C-alpha atoms as a PDB file:
ATOM      1  CA  UNK A   1      26.788   2.602   6.186  1.00  0.00           C
ATOM      2  CA  UNK A   2      26.657  -0.010   8.926  1.00  0.00           C
ATOM      3  CA  UNK A   3      23.401   0.344  10.803  1.00  0.00           C
ATOM      4  CA  UNK A   4      21.230  -1.444  13.323  1.00  0.00           C
ATOM      5  CA  UNK A   5      17.497  -0.777  13.622  1.00  0.00           C
ATOM      6  CA  UNK A   6      16.146  -1.817  17.006  1.00  0.00           C
ATOM      7  CA  UNK A   7      13.671  -1.066  19.761  1.00  0.00           C
ATOM      8  CA  UNK A   8      15.268   0.168  23.000  1.00  0.00           C
ATOM      9  CA  UNK A   9      12.415  -1.247  25.083  1.00  0.00           C
ATOM     10  CA  UNK A  10      12.981  -4.738  23.642  1.00  0.00           C
ATOM     11  CA  UNK A  11      15.108  -6.920  25.911  1.00  0.00           C
ATOM     12  CA  UNK A  12      15.965  -9.248  23.031  1.00  0.00           C
ATOM     13  CA  UNK A  13      17.303  -6.346  20.928  1.00  0.00           C
ATOM     14  CA  UNK A  14      19.351  -5.075  23.876  1.00  0.00           C
ATOM     15  CA  UNK A  15      20.820  -8.531  24.482  1.00  0.00           C
ATOM     16  CA  UNK A  16      21.701  -8.962  20.797  1.00  0.00           C
ATOM     17  CA  UNK A  17      23.404  -5.552  20.635  1.00  0.00           C
ATOM     18  CA  UNK A  18      25.614  -6.519  23.609  1.00  0.00           C
ATOM     19  CA  UNK A  19      26.273  -9.937  22.076  1.00  0.00           C
ATOM     20  CA  UNK A  20      27.377  -8.510  18.723  1.00  0.00           C
ATOM     21  CA  UNK A  21      30.168  -6.312  20.101  1.00  0.00           C
ATOM     22  CA  UNK A  22      29.542  -3.723  17.380  1.00  0.00           C
ATOM     23  CA  UNK A  23      32.331  -1.531  16.014  1.00  0.00           C
ATOM     24  CA  UNK A  24      32.092   2.202  16.767  1.00  0.00           C
ATOM     25  CA  UNK A  25      31.255   2.823  13.103  1.00  0.00           C
ATOM     26  CA  UNK A  26      27.766   1.364  13.614  1.00  0.00           C
ATOM     27  CA  UNK A  27      24.809   3.721  13.715  1.00  0.00           C
ATOM     28  CA  UNK A  28      22.035   2.560  16.022  1.00  0.00           C
ATOM     29  CA  UNK A  29      18.488   3.744  15.365  1.00  0.00           C
ATOM     30  CA  UNK A  30      15.754   3.238  17.943  1.00  0.00           C
ATOM     31  CA  UNK A  31      12.755   2.908  15.648  1.00  0.00           C
ATOM     32  CA  UNK A  32      10.328   4.069  18.338  1.00  0.00           C
ATOM     33  CA  UNK A  33      11.994   7.454  18.882  1.00  0.00           C
ATOM     34  CA  UNK A  34      13.309   7.842  15.323  1.00  0.00           C
ATOM     35  CA  UNK A  35      10.784   6.278  12.906  1.00  0.00           C
ATOM     36  CA  UNK A  36      11.905   4.547   9.739  1.00  0.00           C
ATOM     37  CA  UNK A  37      11.754   6.671   6.606  1.00  0.00           C
ATOM     38  CA  UNK A  38      10.573   5.569   3.172  1.00  0.00           C
ATOM     39  CA  UNK A  39      14.141   5.720   1.842  1.00  0.00           C
ATOM     40  CA  UNK A  40      15.413   3.574   4.738  1.00  0.00           C
ATOM     41  CA  UNK A  41      12.793   0.871   4.157  1.00  0.00           C
ATOM     42  CA  UNK A  42      13.612   0.925   0.438  1.00  0.00           C
ATOM     43  CA  UNK A  43      17.317   0.526   1.242  1.00  0.00           C
ATOM     44  CA  UNK A  44      16.479  -2.488   3.413  1.00  0.00           C
ATOM     45  CA  UNK A  45      14.256  -3.902   0.660  1.00  0.00           C
ATOM     46  CA  UNK A  46      17.077  -3.584  -1.879  1.00  0.00           C
ATOM     47  CA  UNK A  47      19.186  -5.882   0.314  1.00  0.00           C
ATOM     48  CA  UNK A  48      16.523  -8.572   0.755  1.00  0.00           C
ATOM     49  CA  UNK A  49      13.913 -10.351  -1.316  1.00  0.00           C
ATOM     50  CA  UNK A  50      10.715  -8.634  -0.163  1.00  0.00           C
ATOM     51  CA  UNK A  51       9.041  -6.222   2.226  1.00  0.00           C
ATOM     52  CA  UNK A  52       7.335  -9.264   3.688  1.00  0.00           C
ATOM     53  CA  UNK A  53      10.717 -10.551   4.912  1.00  0.00           C
ATOM     54  CA  UNK A  54      11.038  -7.313   6.932  1.00  0.00           C
ATOM     55  CA  UNK A  55       7.525  -7.611   8.366  1.00  0.00           C
ATOM     56  CA  UNK A  56       6.854  -9.043  11.819  1.00  0.00           C
ATOM     57  CA  UNK A  57       3.845 -11.328  11.894  1.00  0.00           C
ATOM     58  CA  UNK A  58       4.386 -11.695  15.634  1.00  0.00           C
ATOM     59  CA  UNK A  59       3.403  -8.080  16.335  1.00  0.00           C
ATOM     60  CA  UNK A  60       0.351  -7.714  18.555  1.00  0.00           C
ATOM     61  CA  UNK A  61      -1.131  -5.209  16.090  1.00  0.00           C
ATOM     62  CA  UNK A  62      -0.935  -7.862  13.355  1.00  0.00           C
ATOM     63  CA  UNK A  63      -3.424  -9.985  15.262  1.00  0.00           C
ATOM     64  CA  UNK A  64      -5.427  -7.037  16.602  1.00  0.00           C
ATOM     65  CA  UNK A  65      -6.023  -5.624  13.105  1.00  0.00           C
ATOM     66  CA  UNK A  66      -6.870  -9.074  11.765  1.00  0.00           C
ATOM     67  CA  UNK A  67      -4.111  -8.886   9.148  1.00  0.00           C
ATOM     68  CA  UNK A  68      -3.496 -12.631   9.251  1.00  0.00           C
ATOM     69  CA  UNK A  69      -6.909 -13.072   7.641  1.00  0.00           C
ATOM     70  CA  UNK A  70      -6.127 -10.638   4.823  1.00  0.00           C
ATOM     71  CA  UNK A  71      -4.101 -11.107   1.685  1.00  0.00           C
ATOM     72  CA  UNK A  72      -1.405  -8.458   1.940  1.00  0.00           C
ATOM     73  CA  UNK A  73       0.596  -7.122  -1.004  1.00  0.00           C
ATOM     74  CA  UNK A  74       4.223  -6.005  -0.935  1.00  0.00           C
ATOM     75  CA  UNK A  75       2.973  -2.402  -0.874  1.00  0.00           C
ATOM     76  CA  UNK A  76       0.776  -3.243   2.153  1.00  0.00           C
ATOM     77  CA  UNK A  77       3.761  -4.683   4.041  1.00  0.00           C
ATOM     78  CA  UNK A  78       5.813  -1.586   3.262  1.00  0.00           C
ATOM     79  CA  UNK A  79       3.041   0.793   4.341  1.00  0.00           C
ATOM     80  CA  UNK A  80       2.354  -1.042   7.609  1.00  0.00           C
ATOM     81  CA  UNK A  81       6.062  -0.967   8.506  1.00  0.00           C
ATOM     82  CA  UNK A  82       6.185   2.768   7.787  1.00  0.00           C
ATOM     83  CA  UNK A  83       2.939   3.340   9.682  1.00  0.00           C
ATOM     84  CA  UNK A  84       3.965   1.656  12.941  1.00  0.00           C
ATOM     85  CA  UNK A  85       7.385   0.585  14.215  1.00  0.00           C
ATOM     86  CA  UNK A  86       6.029  -2.635  15.716  1.00  0.00           C
ATOM     87  CA  UNK A  87       5.655  -4.153  12.237  1.00  0.00           C
ATOM     88  CA  UNK A  88       9.411  -4.174  11.546  1.00  0.00           C
ATOM     89  CA  UNK A  89      10.987  -7.524  12.358  1.00  0.00           C
ATOM     90  CA  UNK A  90      13.737  -6.643  14.817  1.00  0.00           C
ATOM     91  CA  UNK A  91      16.569  -6.107  14.906  1.00  0.00           C
ATOM     92  CA  UNK A  92      17.604  -5.288  11.354  1.00  0.00           C
ATOM     93  CA  UNK A  93      21.365  -5.201  10.950  1.00  0.00           C
ATOM     94  CA  UNK A  94      22.981  -3.795   7.830  1.00  0.00           C
ATOM     95  CA  UNK A  95      26.682  -4.507   7.596  1.00  0.00           C
ATOM     96  CA  UNK A  96      28.868  -4.192   4.486  1.00  0.00           C
ATOM     97  CA  UNK A  97      25.870  -4.378   2.108  1.00  0.00           C
ATOM     98  CA  UNK A  98      24.529  -7.482   3.882  1.00  0.00           C
ATOM     99  CA  UNK A  99      21.252  -7.519   5.787  1.00  0.00           C
ATOM    100  CA  UNK A 100      20.368  -9.627   8.804  1.00  0.00           C
ATOM    101  CA  UNK A 101      16.696  -9.560   9.804  1.00  0.00           C
ATOM    102  CA  UNK A 102      15.221 -10.745  13.077  1.00  0.00           C
ATOM    103  CA  UNK A 103      16.414 -12.375  16.239  1.00  0.00           C
ATOM    104  CA  UNK A 104      16.706 -16.055  15.381  1.00  0.00           C
ATOM    105  CA  UNK A 105      19.899 -17.685  16.622  1.00  0.00           C
ATOM    106  CA  UNK A 106      20.905 -18.504  13.032  1.00  0.00           C
ATOM    107  CA  UNK A 107      20.507 -14.852  11.947  1.00  0.00           C
ATOM    108  CA  UNK A 108      22.329 -13.428  14.969  1.00  0.00           C
ATOM    109  CA  UNK A 109      25.173 -15.955  14.566  1.00  0.00           C
ATOM    110  CA  UNK A 110      25.525 -15.042  10.870  1.00  0.00           C
ATOM    111  CA  UNK A 111      25.641 -11.314  11.720  1.00  0.00           C
ATOM    112  CA  UNK A 112      28.174 -11.926  14.472  1.00  0.00           C
ATOM    113  CA  UNK A 113      30.372 -13.940  12.096  1.00  0.00           C
ATOM    114  CA  UNK A 114      30.243 -11.216   9.414  1.00  0.00           C
ATOM    115  CA  UNK A 115      31.018  -8.429  11.904  1.00  0.00           C
ATOM    116  CA  UNK A 116      33.832 -10.347  13.596  1.00  0.00           C
ATOM    117  CA  UNK A 117      35.520 -10.935  10.219  1.00  0.00           C
ATOM    118  CA  UNK A 118      35.937  -7.154   9.777  1.00  0.00           C
END
């Protein structure tokens, strides 16, 4: 399934969605109104190298909870992402068994290239 996890209140996510020109087959999930499930995070993890790669260290809660001063395990990263949507690096795009995580230009360009190839 082709899916995009995003936050509707995030201007960057909104801009990227418009930029990608997604096919109608894409399922969009606003992670604030429809939280990520354990099976969804495991599916994402299967397509990447770690839960840490899905984790946003730019989240305000990351600093507020003092997580940068702690040594987090893979299980910790997974649990924090499941606990609060802000910890998922956004957007996460899953297309044809490929995963694109975050909003860097390089990542968005790679996703756009893959989607445009259809």
